[in-house]
């Protein structure tokens, strides 16, 4: 018997703001160079909060302190996979010179909202700019909404 249940992928992303700029990663996705927030998949036995901190460090070499929750976005991606993307806000705490970025990350950038919108490099998905706008509109909820038991 085949299991045909719908199983979207749980992912996290982090909006890290500093001095009016946002930390983005430049990566390849489906053969094209794109900009994205530090983001990735939830690992077994990991909370969403732990995943957001880990993915940000792995992709940017920045230690961060989570400050808020931007909610969940359902993304039906071009690759046919559905993602439940939980987005967080964070404060950059310290750059870790000893950390190594994931091999899939080409570069990191601190960009203003307008620089993101005008970039010649495509966004991985429209959600990248959408959650920056949500952050700027003060649409941030308390981290207490995100619980693990």
N, C-alpha and C. Protein backbone atom coordinates (compact mmCIF):
# COMPACT_ATOMS: atom_id res chain seq x y z
N UNK A 1 0.84 -1.18 0.00
CA UNK A 1 0.00 0.00 0.00
C UNK A 1 0.89 1.25 0.00
N UNK A 2 0.60 2.17 -0.86
CA UNK A 2 1.36 3.41 -0.97
C UNK A 2 0.81 4.46 -0.03
N UNK A 3 1.72 5.16 0.65
CA UNK A 3 1.32 6.24 1.54
C UNK A 3 1.29 7.54 0.74
N UNK A 4 0.10 8.06 0.49
CA UNK A 4 -0.06 9.26 -0.32
C UNK A 4 -0.32 10.51 0.50
N UNK A 5 0.08 10.49 1.77
CA UNK A 5 -0.15 11.67 2.60
C UNK A 5 0.68 12.85 2.11
N UNK A 6 0.11 14.01 2.26
CA UNK A 6 0.79 15.26 1.93
C UNK A 6 1.80 15.56 3.02
N UNK A 7 3.06 15.66 2.68
CA UNK A 7 4.11 15.88 3.67
C UNK A 7 5.00 17.06 3.27
N UNK A 8 4.58 18.28 3.58
CA UNK A 8 5.41 19.44 3.26
C UNK A 8 6.70 19.42 4.08
N UNK A 9 7.71 20.09 3.57
CA UNK A 9 9.01 20.17 4.24
C UNK A 9 9.00 21.35 5.22
N UNK A 10 9.43 21.10 6.45
CA UNK A 10 9.52 22.16 7.47
C UNK A 10 10.88 22.85 7.33
N UNK A 11 10.85 24.17 7.11
CA UNK A 11 12.07 24.95 6.99
C UNK A 11 12.01 26.18 7.90
N UNK A 12 13.17 26.78 8.10
CA UNK A 12 13.28 28.00 8.89
C UNK A 12 14.07 29.03 8.08
N UNK A 13 13.84 30.29 8.37
CA UNK A 13 14.60 31.39 7.77
C UNK A 13 14.73 32.48 8.82
N UNK A 14 15.81 33.26 8.71
CA UNK A 14 16.06 34.29 9.72
C UNK A 14 16.32 35.64 9.06
N UNK A 15 15.56 36.64 9.49
CA UNK A 15 15.77 38.02 9.07
C UNK A 15 16.68 38.65 10.13
N UNK A 16 17.93 38.90 9.73
CA UNK A 16 18.91 39.49 10.62
C UNK A 16 19.12 40.93 10.16
N UNK A 17 18.75 41.89 11.01
CA UNK A 17 18.86 43.31 10.67
C UNK A 17 19.95 43.97 11.51
N UNK A 18 20.68 44.86 10.84
CA UNK A 18 21.73 45.63 11.53
C UNK A 18 21.96 46.93 10.77
N UNK A 19 21.83 48.05 11.44
CA UNK A 19 22.10 49.36 10.84
C UNK A 19 21.34 49.57 9.53
N UNK A 20 20.06 49.15 9.50
CA UNK A 20 19.24 49.36 8.33
C UNK A 20 19.49 48.41 7.17
N UNK A 21 20.32 47.40 7.42
CA UNK A 21 20.62 46.41 6.38
C UNK A 21 20.25 45.02 6.87
N UNK A 22 20.08 44.11 5.90
CA UNK A 22 19.67 42.75 6.20
C UNK A 22 20.71 41.77 5.68
N UNK A 23 20.96 40.74 6.46
CA UNK A 23 21.94 39.72 6.10
C UNK A 23 21.30 38.71 5.15
N UNK A 24 21.87 38.61 3.95
CA UNK A 24 21.37 37.68 2.94
C UNK A 24 22.50 36.77 2.50
N UNK A 25 22.11 35.61 2.02
CA UNK A 25 23.08 34.69 1.42
C UNK A 25 22.86 34.66 -0.08
N UNK A 26 23.95 34.46 -0.79
CA UNK A 26 23.90 34.27 -2.24
C UNK A 26 24.20 32.80 -2.48
N UNK A 27 23.33 32.13 -3.20
CA UNK A 27 23.44 30.69 -3.40
C UNK A 27 22.91 30.31 -4.77
N UNK A 28 23.16 29.07 -5.16
CA UNK A 28 22.57 28.54 -6.39
C UNK A 28 21.32 27.75 -6.03
N UNK A 29 20.26 27.97 -6.80
CA UNK A 29 19.02 27.22 -6.65
C UNK A 29 18.50 26.93 -8.04
N UNK A 30 18.34 25.67 -8.35
CA UNK A 30 17.83 25.22 -9.64
C UNK A 30 18.58 25.89 -10.80
N UNK A 31 19.91 25.91 -10.67
CA UNK A 31 20.77 26.38 -11.74
C UNK A 31 20.89 27.88 -11.88
N UNK A 32 20.37 28.64 -10.92
CA UNK A 32 20.50 30.09 -11.00
C UNK A 32 20.99 30.67 -9.69
N UNK A 33 21.72 31.76 -9.77
CA UNK A 33 22.24 32.45 -8.61
C UNK A 33 21.12 33.29 -8.01
N UNK A 34 20.88 33.13 -6.69
CA UNK A 34 19.77 33.81 -6.04
C UNK A 34 20.17 34.35 -4.67
N UNK A 35 19.37 35.28 -4.16
CA UNK A 35 19.52 35.80 -2.81
C UNK A 35 18.42 35.21 -1.93
N UNK A 36 18.78 34.94 -0.68
CA UNK A 36 17.83 34.36 0.27
C UNK A 36 18.24 34.78 1.67
N UNK A 37 17.32 34.71 2.60
CA UNK A 37 17.70 34.81 4.00
C UNK A 37 18.46 33.54 4.36
N UNK A 38 19.27 33.56 5.41
CA UNK A 38 19.82 32.30 5.92
C UNK A 38 18.64 31.38 6.22
N UNK A 39 18.65 30.19 5.65
CA UNK A 39 17.48 29.32 5.75
C UNK A 39 17.87 27.88 5.54
N UNK A 40 17.01 26.98 6.00
CA UNK A 40 17.27 25.56 5.77
C UNK A 40 16.22 24.69 6.44
N UNK A 41 16.47 23.42 6.38
CA UNK A 41 15.53 22.41 6.86
C UNK A 41 15.69 22.14 8.35
N UNK A 42 14.58 21.82 8.96
CA UNK A 42 14.55 21.36 10.33
C UNK A 42 15.16 19.97 10.39
N UNK A 43 16.03 19.73 11.35
CA UNK A 43 16.66 18.42 11.51
C UNK A 43 15.94 17.62 12.60
N UNK A 44 16.10 16.29 12.61
CA UNK A 44 15.43 15.47 13.62
C UNK A 44 15.77 15.93 15.04
N UNK A 45 14.76 15.93 15.88
CA UNK A 45 14.88 16.28 17.31
C UNK A 45 15.38 17.70 17.55
N UNK A 46 15.13 18.59 16.62
CA UNK A 46 15.56 19.97 16.73
C UNK A 46 14.32 20.87 16.79
N UNK A 47 14.36 21.88 17.62
CA UNK A 47 13.25 22.83 17.66
C UNK A 47 13.41 23.82 16.50
N UNK A 48 12.33 24.50 16.17
CA UNK A 48 12.39 25.52 15.13
C UNK A 48 13.38 26.62 15.51
N UNK A 49 13.41 26.98 16.79
CA UNK A 49 14.32 28.02 17.25
C UNK A 49 15.78 27.58 17.10
N UNK A 50 16.06 26.35 17.50
CA UNK A 50 17.42 25.82 17.35
C UNK A 50 17.83 25.76 15.88
N UNK A 51 16.91 25.37 15.02
CA UNK A 51 17.19 25.27 13.59
C UNK A 51 17.52 26.64 13.01
N UNK A 52 16.78 27.67 13.39
CA UNK A 52 17.02 29.01 12.86
C UNK A 52 18.41 29.52 13.25
N UNK A 53 18.79 29.31 14.50
CA UNK A 53 20.11 29.74 14.96
C UNK A 53 21.21 28.94 14.25
N UNK A 54 21.03 27.64 14.15
CA UNK A 54 22.03 26.77 13.51
C UNK A 54 22.20 27.12 12.04
N UNK A 55 21.09 27.24 11.31
CA UNK A 55 21.18 27.53 9.88
C UNK A 55 21.84 28.88 9.63
N UNK A 56 21.55 29.86 10.45
CA UNK A 56 22.17 31.18 10.27
C UNK A 56 23.68 31.08 10.46
N UNK A 57 24.12 30.37 11.48
CA UNK A 57 25.56 30.20 11.69
C UNK A 57 26.19 29.42 10.55
N UNK A 58 25.57 28.32 10.15
CA UNK A 58 26.14 27.48 9.09
C UNK A 58 26.25 28.22 7.75
N UNK A 59 25.33 29.10 7.48
CA UNK A 59 25.32 29.76 6.17
C UNK A 59 26.02 31.11 6.15
N UNK A 60 26.20 31.74 7.32
CA UNK A 60 26.76 33.10 7.34
C UNK A 60 27.95 33.28 8.27
N UNK A 61 28.20 32.33 9.16
CA UNK A 61 29.24 32.43 10.20
C UNK A 61 28.90 33.46 11.28
N UNK A 62 27.63 33.86 11.34
CA UNK A 62 27.18 34.80 12.37
C UNK A 62 26.42 34.05 13.47
N UNK A 63 26.81 34.31 14.71
CA UNK A 63 26.02 33.88 15.87
C UNK A 63 24.92 34.92 16.03
N UNK A 64 23.70 34.46 16.24
CA UNK A 64 22.58 35.39 16.39
C UNK A 64 21.76 35.05 17.62
N UNK A 65 21.02 36.04 18.07
CA UNK A 65 20.04 35.86 19.15
C UNK A 65 18.67 36.14 18.54
N UNK A 66 17.81 35.14 18.56
CA UNK A 66 16.47 35.31 18.01
C UNK A 66 15.69 36.33 18.83
N UNK A 67 14.91 37.17 18.12
CA UNK A 67 14.17 38.24 18.80
C UNK A 67 12.67 38.20 18.54
N UNK A 68 12.24 37.50 17.50
CA UNK A 68 10.82 37.48 17.20
C UNK A 68 10.47 36.46 16.13
N UNK A 69 9.17 36.31 15.93
CA UNK A 69 8.63 35.34 14.98
C UNK A 69 7.80 36.09 13.94
N UNK A 70 8.08 35.82 12.67
CA UNK A 70 7.35 36.45 11.57
C UNK A 70 6.25 35.55 11.00
N UNK A 71 6.15 34.35 11.52
CA UNK A 71 5.07 33.46 11.10
C UNK A 71 5.52 32.41 10.10
N UNK A 72 4.52 31.74 9.55
CA UNK A 72 4.76 30.65 8.61
C UNK A 72 4.21 31.03 7.24
N UNK A 73 4.96 30.66 6.22
CA UNK A 73 4.55 30.89 4.83
C UNK A 73 4.53 29.54 4.13
N UNK A 74 3.46 29.27 3.41
CA UNK A 74 3.40 28.05 2.60
C UNK A 74 3.94 28.41 1.22
N UNK A 75 4.98 27.70 0.82
CA UNK A 75 5.62 27.95 -0.48
C UNK A 75 5.48 26.71 -1.33
N UNK A 76 4.77 26.83 -2.43
CA UNK A 76 4.70 25.77 -3.43
C UNK A 76 5.77 26.10 -4.46
N UNK A 77 6.93 25.48 -4.31
CA UNK A 77 8.11 25.84 -5.09
C UNK A 77 8.06 25.27 -6.50
N UNK A 78 8.88 25.86 -7.35
CA UNK A 78 8.98 25.44 -8.74
C UNK A 78 9.46 24.01 -8.88
N UNK A 79 10.15 23.50 -7.85
CA UNK A 79 10.66 22.12 -7.90
C UNK A 79 9.59 21.09 -7.53
N UNK A 80 8.35 21.56 -7.29
CA UNK A 80 7.25 20.65 -6.98
C UNK A 80 7.11 20.31 -5.51
N UNK A 81 7.98 20.86 -4.67
CA UNK A 81 7.94 20.59 -3.24
C UNK A 81 7.21 21.73 -2.53
N UNK A 82 6.42 21.38 -1.53
CA UNK A 82 5.76 22.37 -0.69
C UNK A 82 6.59 22.54 0.58
N UNK A 83 6.86 23.80 0.92
CA UNK A 83 7.63 24.11 2.12
C UNK A 83 6.77 24.90 3.09
N UNK A 84 6.87 24.57 4.38
CA UNK A 84 6.30 25.38 5.45
C UNK A 84 7.47 26.15 6.04
N UNK A 85 7.59 27.41 5.67
CA UNK A 85 8.76 28.22 6.05
C UNK A 85 8.42 29.07 7.26
N UNK A 86 9.07 28.76 8.37
CA UNK A 86 8.92 29.53 9.60
C UNK A 86 10.01 30.60 9.61
N UNK A 87 9.59 31.87 9.68
CA UNK A 87 10.55 32.97 9.61
C UNK A 87 10.68 33.65 10.96
N UNK A 88 11.93 33.95 11.30
CA UNK A 88 12.27 34.56 12.59
C UNK A 88 13.05 35.85 12.36
N UNK A 89 13.10 36.68 13.39
CA UNK A 89 13.98 37.84 13.39
C UNK A 89 15.09 37.56 14.38
N UNK A 90 16.25 38.18 14.14
CA UNK A 90 17.38 37.96 15.02
C UNK A 90 18.31 39.17 15.03
N UNK A 91 19.05 39.27 16.10
CA UNK A 91 20.09 40.27 16.24
C UNK A 91 21.43 39.58 16.00
N UNK A 92 22.29 40.19 15.18
CA UNK A 92 23.63 39.66 14.97
C UNK A 92 24.43 39.90 16.25
N UNK A 93 25.02 38.82 16.78
CA UNK A 93 25.75 38.92 18.03
C UNK A 93 27.26 38.97 17.78
N UNK A 94 27.75 38.01 16.99
CA UNK A 94 29.19 37.95 16.77
C UNK A 94 29.50 37.16 15.50
N UNK A 95 30.43 37.67 14.71
CA UNK A 95 30.92 36.94 13.55
C UNK A 95 31.96 35.95 14.03
N UNK A 96 31.87 34.71 13.58
CA UNK A 96 32.76 33.64 14.02
C UNK A 96 33.80 33.36 12.93
N UNK A 97 35.01 33.90 13.12
CA UNK A 97 36.09 33.71 12.14
C UNK A 97 36.48 32.25 11.96
N UNK A 98 36.22 31.42 12.95
CA UNK A 98 36.61 30.01 12.87
C UNK A 98 35.55 29.14 12.18
N UNK A 99 34.36 29.68 12.00
CA UNK A 99 33.28 28.91 11.37
C UNK A 99 33.48 28.85 9.86
N UNK A 100 32.99 27.80 9.26
CA UNK A 100 33.05 27.61 7.80
C UNK A 100 31.62 27.65 7.27
N UNK A 101 31.40 28.47 6.24
CA UNK A 101 30.08 28.53 5.61
C UNK A 101 29.80 27.23 4.86
N UNK A 102 28.52 26.87 4.79
CA UNK A 102 28.10 25.74 3.96
C UNK A 102 28.66 25.91 2.56
N UNK A 103 29.04 24.81 1.94
CA UNK A 103 29.60 24.85 0.60
C UNK A 103 28.64 25.37 -0.45
N UNK A 104 27.34 25.32 -0.17
CA UNK A 104 26.34 25.79 -1.15
C UNK A 104 26.21 27.32 -1.16
N UNK A 105 26.79 27.99 -0.17
CA UNK A 105 26.69 29.45 -0.07
C UNK A 105 27.86 30.08 -0.81
N UNK A 106 27.55 30.92 -1.77
CA UNK A 106 28.58 31.59 -2.57
C UNK A 106 29.14 32.81 -1.87
N UNK A 107 28.26 33.54 -1.16
CA UNK A 107 28.68 34.77 -0.51
C UNK A 107 27.59 35.22 0.45
N UNK A 108 27.90 36.18 1.30
CA UNK A 108 26.90 36.82 2.15
C UNK A 108 26.93 38.31 1.88
N UNK A 109 25.80 38.97 2.10
CA UNK A 109 25.68 40.40 1.82
C UNK A 109 24.82 41.07 2.89
N UNK A 110 25.18 42.28 3.26
CA UNK A 110 24.33 43.14 4.07
C UNK A 110 23.72 44.16 3.11
N UNK A 111 22.40 44.11 2.91
CA UNK A 111 21.72 44.96 1.94
C UNK A 111 20.52 45.66 2.58
N UNK A 112 20.25 46.88 2.12
CA UNK A 112 19.03 47.57 2.55
C UNK A 112 17.84 46.93 1.85
N UNK A 113 16.67 47.28 2.29
CA UNK A 113 15.45 46.78 1.66
C UNK A 113 15.42 47.17 0.18
N UNK A 114 15.78 48.43 -0.11
CA UNK A 114 15.75 48.89 -1.49
C UNK A 114 16.82 48.20 -2.34
N UNK A 115 17.96 47.93 -1.76
CA UNK A 115 19.00 47.20 -2.49
C UNK A 115 18.56 45.77 -2.80
N UNK A 116 17.83 45.17 -1.88
CA UNK A 116 17.30 43.82 -2.13
C UNK A 116 16.32 43.87 -3.30
N UNK A 117 15.41 44.83 -3.26
CA UNK A 117 14.39 44.94 -4.30
C UNK A 117 14.99 45.24 -5.67
N UNK A 118 16.09 46.00 -5.71
CA UNK A 118 16.69 46.42 -6.97
C UNK A 118 17.84 45.52 -7.43
N UNK A 119 18.14 44.51 -6.67
CA UNK A 119 19.29 43.67 -6.99
C UNK A 119 19.18 43.01 -8.36
N UNK A 120 20.30 42.95 -9.05
CA UNK A 120 20.35 42.25 -10.33
C UNK A 120 20.29 40.73 -10.12
N UNK A 121 20.59 40.29 -8.91
CA UNK A 121 20.49 38.87 -8.56
C UNK A 121 19.05 38.59 -8.14
N UNK A 122 18.45 37.57 -8.73
CA UNK A 122 17.07 37.21 -8.41
C UNK A 122 16.94 36.80 -6.94
N UNK A 123 15.74 36.96 -6.41
CA UNK A 123 15.42 36.42 -5.10
C UNK A 123 15.06 34.95 -5.26
N UNK A 124 15.39 34.14 -4.28
CA UNK A 124 15.05 32.73 -4.36
C UNK A 124 13.55 32.55 -4.50
N UNK A 125 12.82 33.40 -3.78
CA UNK A 125 11.36 33.37 -3.81
C UNK A 125 10.87 34.74 -3.36
N UNK A 126 9.67 35.11 -3.76
CA UNK A 126 9.09 36.41 -3.37
C UNK A 126 9.01 36.57 -1.86
N UNK A 127 8.98 35.48 -1.12
CA UNK A 127 8.89 35.56 0.34
C UNK A 127 10.09 36.29 0.95
N UNK A 128 11.22 36.29 0.27
CA UNK A 128 12.43 36.96 0.80
C UNK A 128 12.14 38.44 1.06
N UNK A 129 11.60 39.13 0.09
CA UNK A 129 11.29 40.55 0.27
C UNK A 129 10.02 40.74 1.10
N UNK A 130 9.07 39.83 0.97
CA UNK A 130 7.83 39.92 1.73
C UNK A 130 8.08 39.93 3.23
N UNK A 131 8.96 39.07 3.72
CA UNK A 131 9.15 39.06 5.17
C UNK A 131 10.05 40.20 5.64
N UNK A 132 10.89 40.74 4.76
CA UNK A 132 11.61 41.97 5.11
C UNK A 132 10.60 43.09 5.29
N UNK A 133 9.65 43.19 4.36
CA UNK A 133 8.60 44.21 4.49
C UNK A 133 7.77 44.00 5.74
N UNK A 134 7.45 42.76 6.05
CA UNK A 134 6.69 42.48 7.27
C UNK A 134 7.46 42.94 8.50
N UNK A 135 8.76 42.67 8.51
CA UNK A 135 9.62 43.11 9.61
C UNK A 135 9.58 44.63 9.73
N UNK A 136 9.75 45.32 8.61
CA UNK A 136 9.78 46.78 8.61
C UNK A 136 8.45 47.39 9.02
N UNK A 137 7.35 46.68 8.78
CA UNK A 137 6.02 47.15 9.17
C UNK A 137 5.69 46.76 10.61
N UNK A 138 6.69 46.25 11.33
CA UNK A 138 6.55 45.83 12.72
C UNK A 138 5.57 44.68 12.89
N UNK A 139 5.59 43.76 11.93
CA UNK A 139 4.72 42.60 11.99
C UNK A 139 5.38 41.41 12.66
N UNK A 140 6.09 41.69 13.74
CA UNK A 140 6.84 40.65 14.44
C UNK A 140 6.08 40.23 15.69
N UNK A 141 5.95 38.91 15.87
CA UNK A 141 5.28 38.37 17.04
C UNK A 141 6.31 37.85 18.04
N UNK A 142 5.85 37.59 19.22
CA UNK A 142 6.70 37.07 20.28
C UNK A 142 7.18 35.65 19.97
N UNK A 143 8.41 35.36 20.38
CA UNK A 143 8.94 34.01 20.24
C UNK A 143 8.15 33.00 21.08
N UNK A 144 7.39 33.48 22.03
CA UNK A 144 6.63 32.58 22.89
C UNK A 144 5.56 31.82 22.10
N UNK A 145 5.24 32.27 20.89
CA UNK A 145 4.28 31.57 20.05
C UNK A 145 4.84 30.26 19.52
N UNK A 146 6.15 30.13 19.52
CA UNK A 146 6.82 28.96 18.96
C UNK A 146 7.25 28.08 20.12
N UNK A 147 6.62 26.90 20.20
CA UNK A 147 6.86 26.03 21.35
C UNK A 147 7.29 24.65 20.91
N UNK A 148 8.09 24.04 21.73
CA UNK A 148 8.49 22.64 21.54
C UNK A 148 8.24 21.90 22.83
N UNK A 149 7.67 20.73 22.73
CA UNK A 149 7.42 19.92 23.94
C UNK A 149 8.24 18.66 23.89
